[in-house]
Amino acid sequence: MRNNPTDSDGPSGVLLVDKGEEMTSHDVVAIARRALNTKKIGHCGTLDPMATGLLMLVIGRATKIQDLLMSEDKQYVGTLTLGSTTSTQDRQGEILESKPVENYSREQIQGAFDHFMGDFEQIPPMVSAIKKDGVPLYKLARKGIEIVREPRKVHITSNEVARIELPEVDFTVNCSKGFYVRTYAHDIGERLGCGAHLSALRRTRSGKFTLDRAVTVADLKTAPREELYKALISLAEISLMRGA
C-alpha cells in the first residue's frame, strides 16, 4: 500500500528518515519542510547529534498521532566504552573520571546488562530536553547548573551483548519510550565499577517502523518531491500496521 498520501491540504503521513551524525533532529525537520513544501511537520523522539538511525517525521494530518507514535517501544544498537565517565554520559562530553578497565569476562559484562531488565527507575541526564520551570535541562547544564532530577520508570524488554573488545562493548537494547541509552551506558559502567560512556548509537526500530523504508538525508535534499511523497506511509497503512 504505497498510494500517494497527499490531498488538497498537502501531504500527510509518516516519513521515515535515516538521520546521519552531527545533525540535530530539528535540522532534519527543516530539510524535510523545504523538500516537501509543508509547514505542518514534526518529529517523534529526538535523536542526539551523535546518534544516527530512525527518525520518524509526522506530516500534515499525521501530526495528530504524534504522541501515539512516540509512546511506542524502541530498539537501539550502541557501543559503550568502559573506563571513563563524561559530563554528558556520551563521547561528546568532557571526561570527568578515568579508571583502569579490568579484564572482565563475558559473564561479568552480561551480568551488568542483565541487572537492568524489566521495570526499573532511571535518573535522566542533565543534558536532556526535560524542562525545569519551562527551561530545558541542557540549557541549565551549559551554565554549569545541576539540579536534582526525579527518577523515571522505564522498561527494558530485552538486551543482547554482541562484540566485546575491551574497553568497547557493542549491544542492542529494546526499551520503552523516555529511555536514555546514555544513562544506561553510564549505569552499566557504574555497576562494573570502572565507569563508562556511550560512544556510538543507532536507533533501528520504533514501534513497528524500521529502517527498511527510511530515506537518507541526502535523499531528502536531492530527490524529486513526488518521490518523497511516494515514500510517505499513509494514515490508512499506519492504522493497519498498528492493528487499529
C-alpha atoms as a PDB file:
ATOM      1  CA  MET A   1       0.000   0.000   0.000  1.00  0.00           C
ATOM      2  CA  ARG A   2       2.118   2.868  -1.302  1.00  0.00           C
ATOM      3  CA  ASN A   3      -0.530   5.220  -2.578  1.00  0.00           C
ATOM      4  CA  ASN A   4       0.422   8.865  -2.861  1.00  0.00           C
ATOM      5  CA  PRO A   5      -0.749  10.135   0.566  1.00  0.00           C
ATOM      6  CA  THR A   6      -1.479  13.712  -0.499  1.00  0.00           C
ATOM      7  CA  ASP A   7      -4.727  15.642  -0.679  1.00  0.00           C
ATOM      8  CA  SER A   8      -5.882  19.205  -1.265  1.00  0.00           C
ATOM      9  CA  ASP A   9      -4.335  20.218   2.054  1.00  0.00           C
ATOM     10  CA  GLY A  10      -0.913  18.944   1.018  1.00  0.00           C
ATOM     11  CA  PRO A  11       0.976  15.800   2.047  1.00  0.00           C
ATOM     12  CA  SER A  12       0.003  13.710   5.076  1.00  0.00           C
ATOM     13  CA  GLY A  13       1.675  10.655   6.524  1.00  0.00           C
ATOM     14  CA  VAL A  14       4.844   9.472   8.202  1.00  0.00           C
ATOM     15  CA  LEU A  15       8.237   9.811   6.569  1.00  0.00           C
ATOM     16  CA  LEU A  16      10.980   7.590   7.949  1.00  0.00           C
ATOM     17  CA  VAL A  17      14.428   9.185   7.772  1.00  0.00           C
ATOM     18  CA  ASP A  18      17.820   7.622   8.476  1.00  0.00           C
ATOM     19  CA  LYS A  19      19.492  10.500  10.334  1.00  0.00           C
ATOM     20  CA  GLY A  20      23.223  10.995   9.952  1.00  0.00           C
ATOM     21  CA  GLU A  21      25.714  12.063  12.612  1.00  0.00           C
ATOM     22  CA  GLU A  22      26.426  15.633  13.687  1.00  0.00           C
ATOM     23  CA  MET A  23      22.979  16.974  12.886  1.00  0.00           C
ATOM     24  CA  THR A  24      20.035  17.622  15.177  1.00  0.00           C
ATOM     25  CA  SER A  25      16.541  16.234  14.767  1.00  0.00           C
ATOM     26  CA  HIS A  26      15.399  19.820  14.136  1.00  0.00           C
ATOM     27  CA  ASP A  27      17.890  20.068  11.260  1.00  0.00           C
ATOM     28  CA  VAL A  28      16.198  17.083   9.611  1.00  0.00           C
ATOM     29  CA  VAL A  29      12.749  18.613  10.126  1.00  0.00           C
ATOM     30  CA  ALA A  30      13.910  21.864   8.488  1.00  0.00           C
ATOM     31  CA  ILE A  31      15.286  19.997   5.463  1.00  0.00           C
ATOM     32  CA  ALA A  32      12.082  17.942   5.126  1.00  0.00           C
ATOM     33  CA  ARG A  33       9.911  21.046   5.472  1.00  0.00           C
ATOM     34  CA  ARG A  34      11.613  22.577   2.448  1.00  0.00           C
ATOM     35  CA  ALA A  35      11.734  19.311   0.492  1.00  0.00           C
ATOM     36  CA  LEU A  36       8.021  18.570   0.951  1.00  0.00           C
ATOM     37  CA  ASN A  37       6.939  22.230   0.852  1.00  0.00           C
ATOM     38  CA  THR A  38       4.889  21.911   4.022  1.00  0.00           C
ATOM     39  CA  LYS A  39       4.738  23.753   7.338  1.00  0.00           C
ATOM     40  CA  LYS A  40       2.790  21.121   9.265  1.00  0.00           C
ATOM     41  CA  ILE A  41       5.572  18.780  10.306  1.00  0.00           C
ATOM     42  CA  GLY A  42       7.085  17.380  13.486  1.00  0.00           C
ATOM     43  CA  HIS A  43       9.259  14.505  14.679  1.00  0.00           C
ATOM     44  CA  CYS A  44       8.780  11.603  17.071  1.00  0.00           C
ATOM     45  CA  GLY A  45      11.556  11.101  19.599  1.00  0.00           C
ATOM     46  CA  THR A  46      14.636  13.322  19.473  1.00  0.00           C
ATOM     47  CA  LEU A  47      17.955  11.796  18.439  1.00  0.00           C
ATOM     48  CA  ASP A  48      21.123  13.432  19.795  1.00  0.00           C
ATOM     49  CA  PRO A  49      23.501  14.867  17.154  1.00  0.00           C
ATOM     50  CA  MET A  50      25.867  11.946  17.807  1.00  0.00           C
ATOM     51  CA  ALA A  51      23.127   9.359  17.189  1.00  0.00           C
ATOM     52  CA  THR A  52      22.098   8.007  13.805  1.00  0.00           C
ATOM     53  CA  GLY A  53      19.173   5.992  12.548  1.00  0.00           C
ATOM     54  CA  LEU A  54      15.406   6.063  12.547  1.00  0.00           C
ATOM     55  CA  LEU A  55      13.756   9.457  12.895  1.00  0.00           C
ATOM     56  CA  MET A  56      10.013   9.484  12.292  1.00  0.00           C
ATOM     57  CA  LEU A  57       8.601  12.656  10.770  1.00  0.00           C
ATOM     58  CA  VAL A  58       4.855  13.272  11.048  1.00  0.00           C
ATOM     59  CA  ILE A  59       3.445  15.396   8.268  1.00  0.00           C
ATOM     60  CA  GLY A  60       0.071  17.062   7.763  1.00  0.00           C
ATOM     61  CA  ARG A  61      -2.794  15.168   9.408  1.00  0.00           C
ATOM     62  CA  ALA A  62      -0.301  12.655  10.846  1.00  0.00           C
ATOM     63  CA  THR A  63       0.759  15.292  13.396  1.00  0.00           C
ATOM     64  CA  LYS A  64      -2.430  14.340  15.274  1.00  0.00           C
ATOM     65  CA  ILE A  65      -0.991  10.892  16.067  1.00  0.00           C
ATOM     66  CA  GLN A  66       2.463  12.163  17.051  1.00  0.00           C
ATOM     67  CA  ASP A  67       2.017  11.347  20.766  1.00  0.00           C
ATOM     68  CA  LEU A  68       0.655   7.898  19.923  1.00  0.00           C
ATOM     69  CA  LEU A  69       3.668   7.062  17.766  1.00  0.00           C
ATOM     70  CA  MET A  70       6.120   8.479  20.308  1.00  0.00           C
ATOM     71  CA  SER A  71       4.714   6.213  23.044  1.00  0.00           C
ATOM     72  CA  GLU A  72       5.884   3.007  21.365  1.00  0.00           C
ATOM     73  CA  ASP A  73       8.920   0.897  22.294  1.00  0.00           C
ATOM     74  CA  LYS A  74      12.258   1.488  20.576  1.00  0.00           C
ATOM     75  CA  GLN A  75      15.287  -0.560  19.597  1.00  0.00           C
ATOM     76  CA  TYR A  76      18.824   0.808  19.697  1.00  0.00           C
ATOM     77  CA  VAL A  77      22.190  -0.592  18.684  1.00  0.00           C
ATOM     78  CA  GLY A  78      25.062   1.044  20.526  1.00  0.00           C
ATOM     79  CA  THR A  79      28.641   0.919  21.754  1.00  0.00           C
ATOM     80  CA  LEU A  80      29.761   1.810  25.244  1.00  0.00           C
ATOM     81  CA  THR A  81      33.353   2.485  26.224  1.00  0.00           C
ATOM     82  CA  LEU A  82      34.405   1.350  29.672  1.00  0.00           C
ATOM     83  CA  GLY A  83      36.911   3.203  31.840  1.00  0.00           C
ATOM     84  CA  SER A  84      35.746   6.808  31.670  1.00  0.00           C
ATOM     85  CA  THR A  85      32.687   8.832  32.607  1.00  0.00           C
ATOM     86  CA  THR A  86      31.808  12.089  30.852  1.00  0.00           C
ATOM     87  CA  SER A  87      29.784  15.214  31.572  1.00  0.00           C
ATOM     88  CA  THR A  88      27.136  14.213  29.013  1.00  0.00           C
ATOM     89  CA  GLN A  89      27.357  10.439  29.533  1.00  0.00           C
ATOM     90  CA  ASP A  90      28.477  10.120  25.901  1.00  0.00           C
ATOM     91  CA  ARG A  91      31.651  10.719  23.877  1.00  0.00           C
ATOM     92  CA  GLN A  92      30.768  14.354  23.181  1.00  0.00           C
ATOM     93  CA  GLY A  93      31.191  15.396  26.800  1.00  0.00           C
ATOM     94  CA  GLU A  94      34.256  16.216  28.874  1.00  0.00           C
ATOM     95  CA  ILE A  95      35.909  13.304  30.681  1.00  0.00           C
ATOM     96  CA  LEU A  96      35.136  13.561  34.389  1.00  0.00           C
ATOM     97  CA  GLU A  97      36.920  10.465  35.668  1.00  0.00           C
ATOM     98  CA  SER A  98      39.056   7.655  34.266  1.00  0.00           C
ATOM     99  CA  LYS A  99      39.648   4.252  35.840  1.00  0.00           C
ATOM    100  CA  PRO A 100      41.512   1.113  34.792  1.00  0.00           C
ATOM    101  CA  VAL A 101      39.402  -1.471  32.973  1.00  0.00           C
ATOM    102  CA  GLU A 102      39.781  -4.975  34.350  1.00  0.00           C
ATOM    103  CA  ASN A 103      39.785  -7.991  32.066  1.00  0.00           C
ATOM    104  CA  TYR A 104      36.054  -8.514  32.561  1.00  0.00           C
ATOM    105  CA  SER A 105      34.587 -11.828  31.401  1.00  0.00           C
ATOM    106  CA  ARG A 106      31.576 -12.003  29.105  1.00  0.00           C
ATOM    107  CA  GLU A 107      29.594 -13.299  32.092  1.00  0.00           C
ATOM    108  CA  GLN A 108      30.507 -10.243  34.193  1.00  0.00           C
ATOM    109  CA  ILE A 109      29.551  -7.857  31.397  1.00  0.00           C
ATOM    110  CA  GLN A 110      26.336  -9.696  30.593  1.00  0.00           C
ATOM    111  CA  GLY A 111      25.507  -9.674  34.307  1.00  0.00           C
ATOM    112  CA  ALA A 112      25.837  -5.882  34.425  1.00  0.00           C
ATOM    113  CA  PHE A 113      23.477  -5.570  31.450  1.00  0.00           C
ATOM    114  CA  ASP A 114      21.017  -8.057  32.918  1.00  0.00           C
ATOM    115  CA  HIS A 115      20.841  -6.072  36.159  1.00  0.00           C
ATOM    116  CA  PHE A 116      18.849  -3.514  34.168  1.00  0.00           C
ATOM    117  CA  MET A 117      15.921  -5.578  32.890  1.00  0.00           C
ATOM    118  CA  GLY A 118      12.145  -5.274  33.138  1.00  0.00           C
ATOM    119  CA  ASP A 119      10.856  -2.270  35.087  1.00  0.00           C
ATOM    120  CA  PHE A 120      13.314  -0.032  36.918  1.00  0.00           C
ATOM    121  CA  GLU A 121      13.973   3.652  37.567  1.00  0.00           C
ATOM    122  CA  GLN A 122      16.413   5.802  35.641  1.00  0.00           C
ATOM    123  CA  ILE A 123      17.611   9.290  36.581  1.00  0.00           C
ATOM    124  CA  PRO A 124      17.534  11.435  33.413  1.00  0.00           C
ATOM    125  CA  PRO A 125      20.844  13.109  32.481  1.00  0.00           C
ATOM    126  CA  MET A 126      21.313  16.847  32.940  1.00  0.00           C
ATOM    127  CA  VAL A 127      21.963  17.143  29.214  1.00  0.00           C
ATOM    128  CA  SER A 128      18.377  16.396  28.198  1.00  0.00           C
ATOM    129  CA  ALA A 129      15.315  18.191  26.882  1.00  0.00           C
ATOM    130  CA  ILE A 130      13.343  17.687  30.098  1.00  0.00           C
ATOM    131  CA  LYS A 131      12.190  21.063  31.398  1.00  0.00           C
ATOM    132  CA  LYS A 132      12.528  22.607  34.835  1.00  0.00           C
ATOM    133  CA  ASP A 133      10.274  25.661  35.255  1.00  0.00           C
ATOM    134  CA  GLY A 134       9.986  25.829  31.464  1.00  0.00           C
ATOM    135  CA  VAL A 135      13.751  25.728  30.822  1.00  0.00           C
ATOM    136  CA  PRO A 136      15.311  22.636  29.185  1.00  0.00           C
ATOM    137  CA  LEU A 137      17.863  20.979  31.456  1.00  0.00           C
ATOM    138  CA  TYR A 138      20.557  21.081  28.775  1.00  0.00           C
ATOM    139  CA  LYS A 139      20.434  24.896  28.855  1.00  0.00           C
ATOM    140  CA  LEU A 140      20.992  24.847  32.624  1.00  0.00           C
ATOM    141  CA  ALA A 141      23.810  22.321  32.165  1.00  0.00           C
ATOM    142  CA  ARG A 142      25.577  24.690  29.749  1.00  0.00           C
ATOM    143  CA  LYS A 143      25.639  27.277  32.544  1.00  0.00           C
ATOM    144  CA  GLY A 144      27.135  24.749  34.934  1.00  0.00           C
ATOM    145  CA  ILE A 145      23.893  24.432  36.885  1.00  0.00           C
ATOM    146  CA  GLU A 146      22.921  20.960  38.071  1.00  0.00           C
ATOM    147  CA  ILE A 147      19.547  20.223  39.638  1.00  0.00           C
ATOM    148  CA  VAL A 148      18.071  17.143  41.275  1.00  0.00           C
ATOM    149  CA  ARG A 149      16.186  15.075  38.702  1.00  0.00           C
ATOM    150  CA  GLU A 150      13.298  12.835  39.646  1.00  0.00           C
ATOM    151  CA  PRO A 151      13.808   9.143  38.742  1.00  0.00           C
ATOM    152  CA  ARG A 152      11.579   7.932  35.913  1.00  0.00           C
ATOM    153  CA  LYS A 153      10.199   4.454  35.484  1.00  0.00           C
ATOM    154  CA  VAL A 154      11.487   2.800  32.301  1.00  0.00           C
ATOM    155  CA  HIS A 155      11.360  -0.721  30.910  1.00  0.00           C
ATOM    156  CA  ILE A 156      13.760  -2.981  29.035  1.00  0.00           C
ATOM    157  CA  THR A 157      12.234  -5.932  27.192  1.00  0.00           C
ATOM    158  CA  SER A 158      15.491  -7.498  26.008  1.00  0.00           C
ATOM    159  CA  ASN A 159      19.192  -6.885  25.513  1.00  0.00           C
ATOM    160  CA  GLU A 160      21.975  -8.526  23.555  1.00  0.00           C
ATOM    161  CA  VAL A 161      25.692  -8.104  24.120  1.00  0.00           C
ATOM    162  CA  ALA A 162      27.477  -8.550  20.782  1.00  0.00           C
ATOM    163  CA  ARG A 163      31.142  -7.597  20.300  1.00  0.00           C
ATOM    164  CA  ILE A 164      33.355  -7.315  23.373  1.00  0.00           C
ATOM    165  CA  GLU A 165      36.748  -5.792  22.664  1.00  0.00           C
ATOM    166  CA  LEU A 166      37.610  -4.043  25.896  1.00  0.00           C
ATOM    167  CA  PRO A 167      37.217  -1.223  26.595  1.00  0.00           C
ATOM    168  CA  GLU A 168      34.400  -1.320  23.991  1.00  0.00           C
ATOM    169  CA  VAL A 169      31.163  -3.299  24.198  1.00  0.00           C
ATOM    170  CA  ASP A 170      28.567  -3.430  21.401  1.00  0.00           C
ATOM    171  CA  PHE A 171      24.975  -4.055  22.437  1.00  0.00           C
ATOM    172  CA  THR A 172      21.340  -3.996  21.330  1.00  0.00           C
ATOM    173  CA  VAL A 173      18.542  -2.924  23.664  1.00  0.00           C
ATOM    174  CA  ASN A 174      14.750  -2.942  23.274  1.00  0.00           C
ATOM    175  CA  CYS A 175      13.263  -0.371  25.613  1.00  0.00           C
ATOM    176  CA  SER A 176      10.316   1.839  26.495  1.00  0.00           C
ATOM    177  CA  LYS A 177       9.821   5.447  25.463  1.00  0.00           C
ATOM    178  CA  GLY A 178      11.674   8.005  27.567  1.00  0.00           C
ATOM    179  CA  PHE A 179      14.656   5.682  27.950  1.00  0.00           C
ATOM    180  CA  TYR A 180      18.105   7.287  27.929  1.00  0.00           C
ATOM    181  CA  VAL A 181      20.693   4.961  26.381  1.00  0.00           C
ATOM    182  CA  ARG A 182      23.458   7.347  27.522  1.00  0.00           C
ATOM    183  CA  THR A 183      22.362   6.845  31.120  1.00  0.00           C
ATOM    184  CA  TYR A 184      22.099   3.088  30.533  1.00  0.00           C
ATOM    185  CA  ALA A 185      25.759   3.018  29.427  1.00  0.00           C
ATOM    186  CA  HIS A 186      26.775   5.190  32.384  1.00  0.00           C
ATOM    187  CA  ASP A 187      24.913   2.972  34.876  1.00  0.00           C
ATOM    188  CA  ILE A 188      26.387  -0.248  33.435  1.00  0.00           C
ATOM    189  CA  GLY A 189      29.854   1.252  33.867  1.00  0.00           C
ATOM    190  CA  GLU A 190      28.999   2.136  37.440  1.00  0.00           C
ATOM    191  CA  ARG A 191      27.742  -1.394  38.026  1.00  0.00           C
ATOM    192  CA  LEU A 192      31.052  -2.819  36.775  1.00  0.00           C
ATOM    193  CA  GLY A 193      32.994  -0.341  38.912  1.00  0.00           C
ATOM    194  CA  CYS A 194      35.089   1.279  36.179  1.00  0.00           C
ATOM    195  CA  GLY A 195      32.668   3.827  34.707  1.00  0.00           C
ATOM    196  CA  ALA A 196      31.533   4.053  31.082  1.00  0.00           C
ATOM    197  CA  HIS A 197      30.109   6.363  28.477  1.00  0.00           C
ATOM    198  CA  LEU A 198      28.143   5.879  25.277  1.00  0.00           C
ATOM    199  CA  SER A 199      30.406   6.094  22.240  1.00  0.00           C
ATOM    200  CA  ALA A 200      28.007   5.208  19.384  1.00  0.00           C
ATOM    201  CA  LEU A 201      24.245   4.921  18.988  1.00  0.00           C
ATOM    202  CA  ARG A 202      21.831   3.994  16.223  1.00  0.00           C
ATOM    203  CA  ARG A 203      18.044   3.720  16.507  1.00  0.00           C
ATOM    204  CA  THR A 204      16.867   0.786  14.396  1.00  0.00           C
ATOM    205  CA  ARG A 205      13.193   0.486  15.312  1.00  0.00           C
ATOM    206  CA  SER A 206      10.291   2.482  16.747  1.00  0.00           C
ATOM    207  CA  GLY A 207       7.093   0.525  17.270  1.00  0.00           C
ATOM    208  CA  LYS A 208       6.631  -1.438  14.038  1.00  0.00           C
ATOM    209  CA  PHE A 209       8.658   1.022  11.960  1.00  0.00           C
ATOM    210  CA  THR A 210      12.186   0.055  10.928  1.00  0.00           C
ATOM    211  CA  LEU A 211      14.925   1.469   8.713  1.00  0.00           C
ATOM    212  CA  ASP A 212      13.774  -0.700   5.778  1.00  0.00           C
ATOM    213  CA  ARG A 213      11.654   2.115   4.363  1.00  0.00           C
ATOM    214  CA  ALA A 214      13.734   5.053   5.522  1.00  0.00           C
ATOM    215  CA  VAL A 215      15.112   7.692   3.189  1.00  0.00           C
ATOM    216  CA  THR A 216      18.520   9.251   3.788  1.00  0.00           C
ATOM    217  CA  VAL A 217      19.095  12.930   4.461  1.00  0.00           C
ATOM    218  CA  ALA A 218      20.830  13.080   1.061  1.00  0.00           C
ATOM    219  CA  ASP A 219      17.583  11.773  -0.497  1.00  0.00           C
ATOM    220  CA  LEU A 220      15.667  14.493   1.327  1.00  0.00           C
ATOM    221  CA  LYS A 221      17.936  17.135  -0.146  1.00  0.00           C
ATOM    222  CA  THR A 222      18.050  15.873  -3.740  1.00  0.00           C
ATOM    223  CA  ALA A 223      15.139  13.535  -4.550  1.00  0.00           C
ATOM    224  CA  PRO A 224      12.209  14.898  -6.608  1.00  0.00           C
ATOM    225  CA  ARG A 225       9.310  15.946  -4.393  1.00  0.00           C
ATOM    226  CA  GLU A 226       6.992  13.356  -5.986  1.00  0.00           C
ATOM    227  CA  GLU A 227       9.419  10.585  -4.997  1.00  0.00           C
ATOM    228  CA  LEU A 228       9.367  11.778  -1.389  1.00  0.00           C
ATOM    229  CA  TYR A 229       5.565  11.873  -1.450  1.00  0.00           C
ATOM    230  CA  LYS A 230       5.615   8.220  -2.548  1.00  0.00           C
ATOM    231  CA  ALA A 231       7.872   7.363   0.380  1.00  0.00           C
ATOM    232  CA  LEU A 232       5.275   8.655   2.866  1.00  0.00           C
ATOM    233  CA  ILE A 233       3.453   5.986   4.867  1.00  0.00           C
ATOM    234  CA  SER A 234      -0.233   6.866   4.743  1.00  0.00           C
ATOM    235  CA  LEU A 235      -2.508   7.133   7.775  1.00  0.00           C
ATOM    236  CA  ALA A 236      -4.531   4.190   6.415  1.00  0.00           C
ATOM    237  CA  GLU A 237      -1.435   1.971   6.280  1.00  0.00           C
ATOM    238  CA  ILE A 238      -0.334   3.083   9.742  1.00  0.00           C
ATOM    239  CA  SER A 239      -3.751   2.108  11.090  1.00  0.00           C
ATOM    240  CA  LEU A 240      -3.403  -1.364   9.535  1.00  0.00           C
ATOM    241  CA  MET A 241       0.166  -1.758  10.832  1.00  0.00           C
ATOM    242  CA  ARG A 242      -0.902  -0.929  14.375  1.00  0.00           C
ATOM    243  CA  GLY A 243      -3.950  -3.204  14.186  1.00  0.00           C
ATOM    244  CA  ALA A 244      -6.298  -0.287  14.814  1.00  0.00           C
END
